[in-house]
Amino acid sequence: METMLLTAYVLVWPLVTAIVLLVISTAFIKEWREAKREGRDII
């Protein structure tokens, strides 16, 4: 049982991290394109 929990943790953690990175990257690209279209700086 312990081995299965550890295996699930090891397999799920990178997936959760990848999803979070994808959400952050998508939001950044959306904001960047919007700022570029409006002619303003992103910072």
N, C-alpha and C. Protein backbone atom coordinates (compact mmCIF):
# COMPACT_ATOMS: atom_id res chain seq x y z
N MET A 1 0.83 -1.20 0.00
CA MET A 1 0.00 0.00 0.00
C MET A 1 0.87 1.26 0.00
N GLU A 2 1.91 1.25 0.81
CA GLU A 2 2.80 2.40 0.88
C GLU A 2 3.49 2.67 -0.45
N THR A 3 3.86 1.59 -1.12
CA THR A 3 4.53 1.72 -2.41
C THR A 3 3.60 2.34 -3.44
N MET A 4 2.34 1.96 -3.42
CA MET A 4 1.37 2.50 -4.38
C MET A 4 1.12 3.99 -4.13
N LEU A 5 1.07 4.41 -2.87
CA LEU A 5 0.88 5.82 -2.56
C LEU A 5 2.08 6.64 -3.00
N LEU A 6 3.26 6.12 -2.76
CA LEU A 6 4.47 6.82 -3.18
C LEU A 6 4.55 6.90 -4.70
N THR A 7 4.18 5.84 -5.37
CA THR A 7 4.18 5.83 -6.84
C THR A 7 3.17 6.85 -7.37
N ALA A 8 1.99 6.88 -6.80
CA ALA A 8 0.97 7.84 -7.23
C ALA A 8 1.46 9.27 -7.00
N TYR A 9 2.09 9.51 -5.89
CA TYR A 9 2.61 10.85 -5.59
C TYR A 9 3.66 11.26 -6.61
N VAL A 10 4.58 10.36 -6.91
CA VAL A 10 5.67 10.64 -7.85
C VAL A 10 5.13 10.88 -9.25
N LEU A 11 4.06 10.18 -9.63
CA LEU A 11 3.50 10.34 -10.97
C LEU A 11 2.59 11.55 -11.09
N VAL A 12 1.90 11.91 -10.02
CA VAL A 12 0.93 13.01 -10.07
C VAL A 12 1.61 14.36 -9.89
N TRP A 13 2.63 14.44 -9.08
CA TRP A 13 3.27 15.73 -8.79
C TRP A 13 3.77 16.45 -10.05
N PRO A 14 4.47 15.80 -10.97
CA PRO A 14 4.88 16.50 -12.19
C PRO A 14 3.69 16.95 -13.04
N LEU A 15 2.62 16.18 -13.04
CA LEU A 15 1.43 16.56 -13.79
C LEU A 15 0.80 17.83 -13.22
N VAL A 16 0.70 17.91 -11.90
CA VAL A 16 0.16 19.12 -11.26
C VAL A 16 1.05 20.32 -11.55
N THR A 17 2.35 20.12 -11.47
CA THR A 17 3.29 21.20 -11.75
C THR A 17 3.18 21.67 -13.20
N ALA A 18 3.04 20.74 -14.12
CA ALA A 18 2.92 21.09 -15.54
C ALA A 18 1.63 21.87 -15.80
N ILE A 19 0.54 21.49 -15.15
CA ILE A 19 -0.72 22.19 -15.33
C ILE A 19 -0.62 23.62 -14.81
N VAL A 20 -0.02 23.80 -13.65
CA VAL A 20 0.16 25.14 -13.09
C VAL A 20 1.03 25.99 -14.01
N LEU A 21 2.12 25.43 -14.51
CA LEU A 21 3.00 26.15 -15.43
C LEU A 21 2.25 26.53 -16.71
N LEU A 22 1.42 25.64 -17.21
CA LEU A 22 0.64 25.92 -18.41
C LEU A 22 -0.34 27.07 -18.18
N VAL A 23 -1.01 27.07 -17.03
CA VAL A 23 -1.96 28.14 -16.72
C VAL A 23 -1.25 29.49 -16.62
N ILE A 24 -0.12 29.52 -15.92
CA ILE A 24 0.64 30.77 -15.77
C ILE A 24 1.15 31.25 -17.14
N SER A 25 1.68 30.34 -17.93
CA SER A 25 2.21 30.72 -19.25
C SER A 25 1.11 31.23 -20.17
N THR A 26 -0.03 30.57 -20.16
CA THR A 26 -1.15 31.00 -21.00
C THR A 26 -1.62 32.39 -20.61
N ALA A 27 -1.74 32.65 -19.32
CA ALA A 27 -2.17 33.97 -18.85
C ALA A 27 -1.15 35.04 -19.22
N PHE A 28 0.14 34.72 -19.11
CA PHE A 28 1.18 35.68 -19.46
C PHE A 28 1.13 36.02 -20.94
N ILE A 29 1.01 35.01 -21.78
CA ILE A 29 0.97 35.25 -23.23
C ILE A 29 -0.26 36.07 -23.60
N LYS A 30 -1.38 35.78 -22.96
CA LYS A 30 -2.60 36.55 -23.23
C LYS A 30 -2.41 38.03 -22.86
N GLU A 31 -1.85 38.28 -21.69
CA GLU A 31 -1.60 39.65 -21.25
C GLU A 31 -0.59 40.35 -22.16
N TRP A 32 0.44 39.62 -22.58
CA TRP A 32 1.49 40.17 -23.43
C TRP A 32 0.92 40.60 -24.79
N ARG A 33 0.10 39.74 -25.39
CA ARG A 33 -0.51 40.08 -26.67
C ARG A 33 -1.45 41.28 -26.54
N GLU A 34 -2.21 41.31 -25.46
CA GLU A 34 -3.13 42.43 -25.24
C GLU A 34 -2.36 43.74 -25.07
N ALA A 35 -1.27 43.71 -24.32
CA ALA A 35 -0.46 44.92 -24.11
C ALA A 35 0.19 45.34 -25.43
N LYS A 36 0.65 44.38 -26.20
CA LYS A 36 1.29 44.70 -27.48
C LYS A 36 0.28 45.35 -28.43
N ARG A 37 -0.94 44.82 -28.43
CA ARG A 37 -1.98 45.36 -29.30
C ARG A 37 -2.36 46.78 -28.90
N GLU A 38 -2.37 47.05 -27.59
CA GLU A 38 -2.73 48.38 -27.09
C GLU A 38 -1.55 49.34 -27.08
N GLY A 39 -0.35 48.84 -27.38
CA GLY A 39 0.83 49.68 -27.44
C GLY A 39 1.36 50.13 -26.08
N ARG A 40 1.18 49.31 -25.07
CA ARG A 40 1.68 49.66 -23.74
C ARG A 40 2.66 48.61 -23.26
N ASP A 41 3.46 49.02 -22.26
CA ASP A 41 4.42 48.08 -21.67
C ASP A 41 3.71 47.10 -20.77
N ILE A 42 4.28 45.92 -20.65
CA ILE A 42 3.66 44.91 -19.80
C ILE A 42 4.02 45.14 -18.32
N ILE A 43 5.12 45.84 -18.10
CA ILE A 43 5.53 46.12 -16.71
C ILE A 43 5.22 47.57 -16.40
